[in-house]
N, C-alpha and C. Protein backbone atom coordinates (compact mmCIF):
# COMPACT_ATOMS: atom_id res chain seq x y z
N MET A 1 -19.30 33.58 -17.00
CA MET A 1 -19.19 33.81 -18.23
C MET A 1 -18.93 32.27 -18.93
N ASN A 2 -18.20 31.52 -18.23
CA ASN A 2 -17.93 30.20 -18.67
C ASN A 2 -19.14 29.42 -18.73
N SER A 3 -19.95 29.46 -17.78
CA SER A 3 -21.18 28.55 -17.50
C SER A 3 -22.28 29.16 -18.78
N GLY A 4 -22.22 30.38 -19.00
CA GLY A 4 -23.04 30.79 -19.98
C GLY A 4 -22.75 30.24 -21.53
N ARG A 5 -21.44 30.14 -21.69
CA ARG A 5 -20.91 29.37 -22.84
C ARG A 5 -21.10 27.90 -22.72
N ALA A 6 -21.06 27.33 -21.75
CA ALA A 6 -21.48 25.78 -21.54
C ALA A 6 -22.91 25.56 -21.89
N ARG A 7 -23.75 26.48 -21.33
CA ARG A 7 -25.15 26.51 -21.68
C ARG A 7 -25.35 26.70 -23.34
N GLN A 8 -24.77 27.53 -23.73
CA GLN A 8 -25.06 27.75 -25.25
C GLN A 8 -24.43 26.57 -26.05
N VAL A 9 -23.25 25.84 -25.79
CA VAL A 9 -22.91 24.62 -26.36
C VAL A 9 -23.78 23.43 -26.03
N ALA A 10 -24.37 23.28 -24.70
CA ALA A 10 -25.37 22.28 -24.44
C ALA A 10 -26.71 22.48 -25.30
N ALA A 11 -27.11 23.79 -25.50
CA ALA A 11 -28.32 24.03 -26.19
C ALA A 11 -28.02 23.68 -27.80
N LEU A 12 -26.83 23.98 -28.23
CA LEU A 12 -26.65 23.70 -29.50
C LEU A 12 -26.53 22.25 -29.85
N LYS A 13 -25.83 21.49 -28.98
CA LYS A 13 -26.02 20.07 -29.16
C LYS A 13 -27.33 19.55 -29.12
N ALA A 14 -28.18 20.09 -28.20
CA ALA A 14 -29.42 19.41 -28.04
C ALA A 14 -30.19 19.69 -29.29
N ALA A 15 -30.12 20.92 -29.81
CA ALA A 15 -30.77 21.34 -31.16
C ALA A 15 -30.21 20.22 -32.39
N ALA A 16 -28.90 20.05 -32.29
CA ALA A 16 -28.52 19.41 -33.53
C ALA A 16 -28.96 17.95 -33.27
N ALA A 17 -28.98 17.26 -32.16
CA ALA A 17 -29.53 15.91 -32.02
C ALA A 17 -31.03 16.08 -32.30
N ARG A 18 -31.93 16.98 -31.75
CA ARG A 18 -33.18 17.00 -32.22
C ARG A 18 -33.42 17.01 -33.98
N LYS A 19 -32.52 17.70 -34.53
CA LYS A 19 -32.50 17.79 -35.84
C LYS A 19 -32.26 16.47 -36.53
N ALA A 20 -31.30 15.75 -36.11
CA ALA A 20 -30.77 14.51 -36.64
C ALA A 20 -32.05 13.33 -36.52
N ARG A 21 -32.58 13.44 -35.25
CA ARG A 21 -33.60 12.64 -34.95
C ARG A 21 -34.87 12.96 -35.80
N ASN A 22 -35.12 14.24 -35.96
CA ASN A 22 -36.15 14.54 -36.95
C ASN A 22 -36.14 14.05 -38.18
N SER A 23 -34.79 14.42 -38.87
CA SER A 23 -34.46 13.93 -40.19
C SER A 23 -34.43 12.53 -40.38
N ARG A 24 -34.16 11.86 -39.30
CA ARG A 24 -33.98 10.25 -39.49
C ARG A 24 -35.62 9.77 -39.37
N GLU A 25 -36.32 10.37 -38.70
CA GLU A 25 -37.71 9.99 -38.52
C GLU A 25 -38.48 10.21 -39.84
N ALA A 26 -38.30 11.56 -40.36
CA ALA A 26 -38.91 11.96 -41.67
C ALA A 26 -38.29 10.98 -42.92
N ALA A 27 -37.15 10.71 -42.87
CA ALA A 27 -36.54 9.59 -43.85
C ALA A 27 -37.14 8.33 -43.65
N GLU A 28 -37.42 7.67 -42.63
CA GLU A 28 -38.24 6.65 -42.54
C GLU A 28 -39.53 6.58 -43.03
N LYS A 29 -40.26 7.72 -42.60
CA LYS A 29 -41.60 7.92 -42.76
C LYS A 29 -41.67 8.25 -44.33
N GLY A 30 -40.82 8.85 -44.98
CA GLY A 30 -40.96 9.01 -46.42
C GLY A 30 -40.69 7.77 -47.25
N PHE A 31 -39.72 6.89 -46.70
CA PHE A 31 -39.45 5.60 -47.40
C PHE A 31 -40.70 4.80 -47.26
N LEU A 32 -41.37 4.51 -46.00
CA LEU A 32 -42.35 3.81 -45.88
C LEU A 32 -43.60 4.26 -46.94
N GLU A 33 -44.00 5.53 -46.93
CA GLU A 33 -44.93 6.17 -47.74
C GLU A 33 -44.71 5.96 -49.16
N VAL A 34 -43.64 5.89 -49.69
CA VAL A 34 -43.23 5.58 -51.23
C VAL A 34 -43.47 4.17 -51.31
N HIS A 35 -42.82 3.26 -50.45
CA HIS A 35 -42.91 1.82 -50.66
C HIS A 35 -44.51 1.29 -50.59
N ARG A 36 -45.28 1.83 -49.59
CA ARG A 36 -46.53 1.44 -49.53
C ARG A 36 -47.38 1.99 -50.39
N SER A 37 -47.00 3.12 -51.38
CA SER A 37 -47.88 3.50 -52.17
C SER A 37 -47.97 2.80 -53.57
N GLY A 38 -47.03 1.88 -53.59
CA GLY A 38 -46.55 1.09 -54.80
C GLY A 38 -45.92 1.85 -55.82
N ARG A 39 -45.23 3.28 -55.36
CA ARG A 39 -44.66 3.88 -56.55
C ARG A 39 -43.15 3.16 -56.52
N SER A 40 -42.21 3.62 -57.69
CA SER A 40 -40.79 3.02 -57.50
C SER A 40 -40.10 3.82 -56.37
N VAL A 41 -39.39 3.01 -55.48
CA VAL A 41 -38.65 3.27 -54.47
C VAL A 41 -37.19 3.86 -55.03
N THR A 42 -37.21 5.17 -55.07
CA THR A 42 -35.86 5.83 -55.60
C THR A 42 -35.30 6.69 -54.47
N PHE A 43 -34.10 6.94 -54.53
CA PHE A 43 -33.67 8.24 -53.67
C PHE A 43 -34.35 9.60 -53.86
N ALA A 44 -34.74 9.77 -55.32
CA ALA A 44 -35.65 11.04 -55.53
C ALA A 44 -36.75 10.99 -54.79
N ALA A 45 -37.70 9.88 -55.02
CA ALA A 45 -38.89 9.77 -54.53
C ALA A 45 -38.91 9.74 -53.01
N VAL A 46 -37.99 9.27 -52.34
CA VAL A 46 -38.00 9.08 -51.01
C VAL A 46 -37.44 10.45 -50.41
N SER A 47 -36.63 11.22 -51.21
CA SER A 47 -36.11 12.60 -50.73
C SER A 47 -37.39 13.33 -50.64
N ARG A 48 -38.15 13.46 -51.81
CA ARG A 48 -39.32 14.31 -52.04
C ARG A 48 -40.42 14.10 -50.81
N ALA A 49 -40.83 12.77 -50.63
CA ALA A 49 -41.64 12.36 -49.54
C ALA A 49 -41.19 12.72 -48.19
N ALA A 50 -40.05 12.75 -47.96
CA ALA A 50 -39.42 12.90 -46.48
C ALA A 50 -38.94 14.27 -46.40
N GLY A 51 -38.72 15.07 -47.50
CA GLY A 51 -38.25 16.40 -47.07
C GLY A 51 -36.77 16.58 -46.77
N VAL A 52 -36.04 15.58 -47.10
CA VAL A 52 -34.60 15.46 -46.94
C VAL A 52 -33.94 15.43 -48.21
N SER A 53 -32.48 15.76 -48.01
CA SER A 53 -31.88 15.48 -49.21
C SER A 53 -31.41 14.12 -49.75
N THR A 54 -31.07 13.89 -50.99
CA THR A 54 -30.81 12.62 -51.44
C THR A 54 -29.39 12.25 -50.82
N ALA A 55 -28.66 13.42 -50.55
CA ALA A 55 -27.24 13.13 -49.93
C ALA A 55 -27.44 12.47 -48.42
N TYR A 56 -28.42 13.16 -47.82
CA TYR A 56 -28.72 12.53 -46.36
C TYR A 56 -29.11 11.21 -46.59
N LEU A 57 -30.01 10.86 -47.46
CA LEU A 57 -30.52 9.34 -47.52
C LEU A 57 -29.28 8.36 -47.97
N ARG A 58 -28.52 8.92 -48.76
CA ARG A 58 -27.20 8.01 -49.03
C ARG A 58 -26.24 7.91 -47.77
N SER A 59 -26.33 8.76 -46.89
CA SER A 59 -25.55 8.79 -45.72
C SER A 59 -25.89 7.69 -44.72
N GLN A 60 -27.43 7.63 -44.94
CA GLN A 60 -28.05 6.32 -43.78
C GLN A 60 -27.88 5.17 -44.32
N LYS A 61 -26.75 4.60 -44.14
CA LYS A 61 -26.53 3.26 -44.78
C LYS A 61 -27.48 2.32 -45.04
N ASP A 62 -28.37 2.00 -43.83
CA ASP A 62 -29.44 1.13 -43.89
C ASP A 62 -30.57 1.39 -44.81
N LEU A 63 -30.86 2.72 -44.80
CA LEU A 63 -32.04 3.19 -45.57
C LEU A 63 -31.60 3.22 -47.06
N ALA A 64 -30.32 3.58 -47.37
CA ALA A 64 -29.73 3.57 -48.55
C ALA A 64 -29.76 2.25 -49.42
N ALA A 65 -29.22 1.20 -48.33
CA ALA A 65 -29.42 -0.07 -48.89
C ALA A 65 -30.79 -0.65 -49.11
N ALA A 66 -31.76 -0.17 -48.41
CA ALA A 66 -33.22 -0.71 -48.73
C ALA A 66 -33.71 -0.01 -50.02
N ILE A 67 -33.44 1.30 -50.19
CA ILE A 67 -33.71 1.92 -51.26
C ILE A 67 -33.04 1.23 -52.42
N VAL A 68 -31.84 1.04 -52.38
CA VAL A 68 -31.17 0.15 -53.56
C VAL A 68 -31.62 -1.05 -53.98
N LEU A 69 -32.11 -1.86 -52.88
CA LEU A 69 -32.64 -3.07 -53.11
C LEU A 69 -34.14 -2.98 -53.51
N LEU A 70 -34.85 -2.10 -53.21
CA LEU A 70 -36.14 -1.91 -53.69
C LEU A 70 -36.58 -1.31 -54.84
N ARG A 71 -35.28 -0.70 -55.33
CA ARG A 71 -35.48 -0.13 -56.76
C ARG A 71 -36.20 -1.22 -57.81
N GLY A 72 -36.14 -2.49 -57.59
CA GLY A 72 -36.75 -3.36 -58.43
C GLY A 72 -37.38 -4.24 -57.77
N ASP A 73 -37.65 -5.50 -58.08
CA ASP A 73 -38.55 -6.58 -57.28
C ASP A 73 -37.66 -6.71 -55.85
N SER A 74 -38.59 -6.63 -54.90
CA SER A 74 -38.24 -6.74 -53.37
C SER A 74 -38.07 -8.41 -53.18
N SER A 75 -38.47 -9.33 -53.89
CA SER A 75 -38.47 -10.53 -53.47
C SER A 75 -36.94 -11.00 -53.35
N LEU A 76 -36.58 -11.67 -51.99
CA LEU A 76 -35.17 -11.93 -51.55
C LEU A 76 -34.57 -12.55 -52.55
N ARG A 77 -34.99 -13.64 -53.31
CA ARG A 77 -34.55 -14.60 -54.13
C ARG A 77 -34.17 -13.65 -55.44
N GLN A 78 -34.83 -12.71 -55.82
CA GLN A 78 -34.36 -11.96 -56.86
C GLN A 78 -33.34 -10.73 -56.65
N VAL A 79 -33.51 -10.41 -55.16
CA VAL A 79 -32.61 -9.56 -54.94
C VAL A 79 -30.98 -10.30 -54.78
N VAL A 80 -31.18 -11.49 -54.22
CA VAL A 80 -29.92 -12.30 -54.10
C VAL A 80 -29.28 -12.69 -55.33
N GLN A 81 -30.11 -13.21 -56.21
CA GLN A 81 -29.73 -13.74 -57.49
C GLN A 81 -28.58 -12.91 -58.38
N PRO A 82 -28.82 -11.62 -58.51
CA PRO A 82 -28.03 -11.05 -59.14
C PRO A 82 -26.49 -10.75 -58.57
N ILE A 83 -26.42 -10.65 -57.32
CA ILE A 83 -25.47 -10.75 -56.45
C ILE A 83 -24.63 -11.86 -56.60
N CYS A 84 -25.33 -13.09 -56.80
CA CYS A 84 -24.59 -14.35 -56.56
C CYS A 84 -24.07 -14.50 -58.24
N GLN A 85 -24.86 -14.01 -58.87
CA GLN A 85 -24.52 -14.15 -60.57
C GLN A 85 -23.39 -13.39 -60.77
N ALA A 86 -23.41 -12.20 -60.17
CA ALA A 86 -22.24 -11.19 -60.59
C ALA A 86 -20.95 -11.99 -60.16
N HIS A 87 -20.92 -12.71 -59.02
CA HIS A 87 -19.91 -13.36 -58.69
C HIS A 87 -19.80 -14.79 -58.86
N CYS A 88 -20.30 -15.14 -59.99
CA CYS A 88 -20.46 -16.43 -60.77
C CYS A 88 -20.90 -17.54 -59.63
N VAL A 89 -21.89 -17.41 -58.77
CA VAL A 89 -22.34 -18.59 -57.91
C VAL A 89 -23.66 -18.44 -58.13
N GLU A 90 -24.25 -19.97 -58.20
CA GLU A 90 -25.62 -20.26 -58.38
C GLU A 90 -26.52 -20.52 -57.01
N ILE A 91 -27.31 -19.82 -56.84
CA ILE A 91 -27.95 -19.95 -55.67
C ILE A 91 -28.37 -21.60 -55.27
N ASP A 92 -28.70 -22.27 -56.10
CA ASP A 92 -29.06 -23.64 -55.73
C ASP A 92 -27.83 -24.45 -55.44
N GLU A 93 -26.56 -24.09 -55.91
CA GLU A 93 -25.45 -24.65 -55.70
C GLU A 93 -24.30 -24.31 -54.60
N ILE A 94 -25.09 -23.30 -53.83
CA ILE A 94 -24.15 -22.82 -52.55
C ILE A 94 -24.10 -24.22 -51.65
N PRO A 95 -22.85 -24.55 -51.38
CA PRO A 95 -22.56 -25.62 -50.41
C PRO A 95 -22.67 -25.40 -49.03
N ALA A 96 -22.85 -26.40 -48.08
CA ALA A 96 -22.79 -26.15 -46.82
C ALA A 96 -21.55 -25.35 -46.39
N ASP A 97 -20.23 -25.79 -47.06
CA ASP A 97 -19.05 -25.18 -46.44
C ASP A 97 -18.89 -24.02 -47.57
N LEU A 98 -18.91 -22.99 -47.02
CA LEU A 98 -18.89 -21.63 -47.74
C LEU A 98 -17.41 -21.46 -48.72
N ASN A 99 -16.48 -22.08 -48.02
CA ASN A 99 -15.16 -21.87 -48.55
C ASN A 99 -15.17 -22.63 -50.07
N GLU A 100 -15.90 -23.37 -50.06
CA GLU A 100 -16.07 -24.11 -51.60
C GLU A 100 -16.49 -22.92 -52.62
N PHE A 101 -17.17 -22.07 -52.50
CA PHE A 101 -17.57 -21.00 -53.39
C PHE A 101 -17.07 -19.78 -53.20
N LEU A 102 -16.47 -19.49 -52.16
CA LEU A 102 -15.85 -18.10 -52.12
C LEU A 102 -14.79 -17.86 -53.11
N PRO A 103 -14.76 -16.84 -53.78
CA PRO A 103 -13.68 -16.42 -54.69
C PRO A 103 -12.43 -16.35 -54.02
N SER A 104 -11.34 -16.82 -54.72
CA SER A 104 -10.12 -16.71 -54.18
C SER A 104 -9.41 -15.39 -54.45
N ASP A 105 -9.81 -14.81 -55.54
CA ASP A 105 -9.41 -13.45 -55.90
C ASP A 105 -9.84 -12.40 -54.90
N PRO A 106 -8.80 -11.66 -54.17
CA PRO A 106 -9.21 -10.55 -53.25
C PRO A 106 -10.23 -9.49 -53.67
N GLN A 107 -9.84 -9.13 -55.05
CA GLN A 107 -10.99 -8.13 -55.51
C GLN A 107 -12.47 -8.71 -55.66
N LYS A 108 -12.45 -9.84 -56.15
CA LYS A 108 -13.82 -10.45 -56.31
C LYS A 108 -14.53 -10.59 -54.95
N LEU A 109 -13.57 -11.17 -53.98
CA LEU A 109 -14.18 -11.45 -52.63
C LEU A 109 -14.51 -10.19 -51.92
N SER A 110 -13.87 -9.00 -52.25
CA SER A 110 -14.24 -7.74 -51.66
C SER A 110 -15.55 -7.33 -52.03
N GLY A 111 -15.68 -7.53 -53.40
CA GLY A 111 -16.90 -7.16 -54.05
C GLY A 111 -18.17 -7.83 -53.63
N LEU A 112 -17.85 -9.03 -53.35
CA LEU A 112 -19.08 -9.87 -52.99
C LEU A 112 -19.27 -9.67 -51.48
N VAL A 113 -18.44 -9.48 -50.61
CA VAL A 113 -18.42 -8.92 -49.23
C VAL A 113 -19.25 -7.45 -49.18
N ARG A 114 -18.92 -6.72 -50.02
CA ARG A 114 -19.45 -5.30 -50.29
C ARG A 114 -21.08 -5.32 -50.64
N ASP A 115 -21.37 -6.24 -51.61
CA ASP A 115 -22.63 -6.57 -52.16
C ASP A 115 -23.54 -7.17 -50.93
N LEU A 116 -22.93 -8.15 -50.31
CA LEU A 116 -23.79 -8.74 -49.18
C LEU A 116 -23.95 -7.88 -47.99
N GLY A 117 -22.76 -7.09 -47.92
CA GLY A 117 -23.13 -6.15 -46.74
C GLY A 117 -24.35 -5.13 -47.11
N THR A 118 -24.61 -4.79 -48.17
CA THR A 118 -25.45 -3.86 -48.61
C THR A 118 -26.91 -4.62 -48.37
N LEU A 119 -27.06 -6.00 -48.79
CA LEU A 119 -28.21 -6.67 -48.44
C LEU A 119 -28.42 -6.79 -46.93
N LEU A 120 -27.53 -6.94 -46.11
CA LEU A 120 -27.45 -7.15 -44.76
C LEU A 120 -28.13 -6.01 -43.95
N GLU A 121 -27.63 -4.60 -44.51
CA GLU A 121 -27.88 -3.30 -43.89
C GLU A 121 -29.51 -3.21 -44.32
N ALA A 122 -29.97 -3.50 -45.58
CA ALA A 122 -31.39 -3.60 -45.91
C ALA A 122 -32.19 -4.42 -44.92
N ALA A 123 -31.63 -5.66 -44.72
CA ALA A 123 -32.47 -6.61 -43.86
C ALA A 123 -32.68 -6.23 -42.48
N ARG A 124 -31.46 -5.56 -41.86
CA ARG A 124 -31.39 -5.11 -40.58
C ARG A 124 -32.51 -3.94 -40.52
N TRP A 125 -32.50 -2.92 -41.29
CA TRP A 125 -33.75 -2.00 -41.34
C TRP A 125 -35.04 -2.61 -41.41
N LYS A 126 -35.30 -3.55 -42.45
CA LYS A 126 -36.56 -4.13 -42.41
C LYS A 126 -36.96 -4.86 -40.97
N LEU A 127 -35.90 -5.61 -40.49
CA LEU A 127 -36.15 -6.14 -39.16
C LEU A 127 -36.69 -5.01 -38.16
N LYS A 128 -35.98 -4.04 -38.08
CA LYS A 128 -36.18 -2.85 -37.25
C LYS A 128 -37.69 -2.43 -37.40
N GLN A 129 -38.05 -2.23 -38.74
CA GLN A 129 -39.30 -1.85 -39.06
C GLN A 129 -40.43 -2.79 -38.45
N LEU A 130 -40.17 -4.14 -38.76
CA LEU A 130 -41.10 -5.07 -38.24
C LEU A 130 -41.27 -5.24 -36.81
N ALA A 131 -40.23 -5.14 -36.29
CA ALA A 131 -40.23 -5.08 -34.67
C ALA A 131 -40.88 -3.83 -33.82
N ASP A 132 -40.93 -2.81 -34.77
CA ASP A 132 -41.68 -1.44 -34.31
C ASP A 132 -43.14 -1.42 -34.87
N VAL A 133 -43.68 -2.55 -35.32
CA VAL A 133 -45.01 -2.60 -35.82
C VAL A 133 -45.82 -3.13 -34.53
N PRO A 134 -46.82 -2.32 -34.25
CA PRO A 134 -47.63 -2.82 -32.92
C PRO A 134 -48.57 -3.95 -33.16
C-alpha cells in the first residue's frame, strides 16, 4: 500500500514539474513572439501570446523584468537613464568610485538597488536567450 502511495506522489511531482517546464517554455516563446513582432511588450500581450496568466509572468522575475524594461525603448542608455535620474545621478557623471554617488539615505539606496536589480534580472534573461541561439 505504501509503495502505491509513493508512486502516486512521484507521478504528481513529475506532472507538476512538466507543467512548470511547459509554462516557462510557453512564457519565453510568447515573450519572444511579441518582442520580435514589433508589438508593445506588455504583460497582457505576452500573457495572450503564451497562454499563461499575467500573475505567472509576474512571478518569473527575469521575464517580468524584461517585460517592464521593454515596455518602452529597449536601448540600454534609455533604460538606465530614468533609473539614474530617479536617484539624482547623471550617467556621464558616474565616478570610478561608486561610493561618491551612492545615496546615503537608506530608503533611496534601497530603491536604487531594487531598480538596478530589475535591470540585472532582465540582462540575465537576455544573456540566456543569446546563449541559446544556434
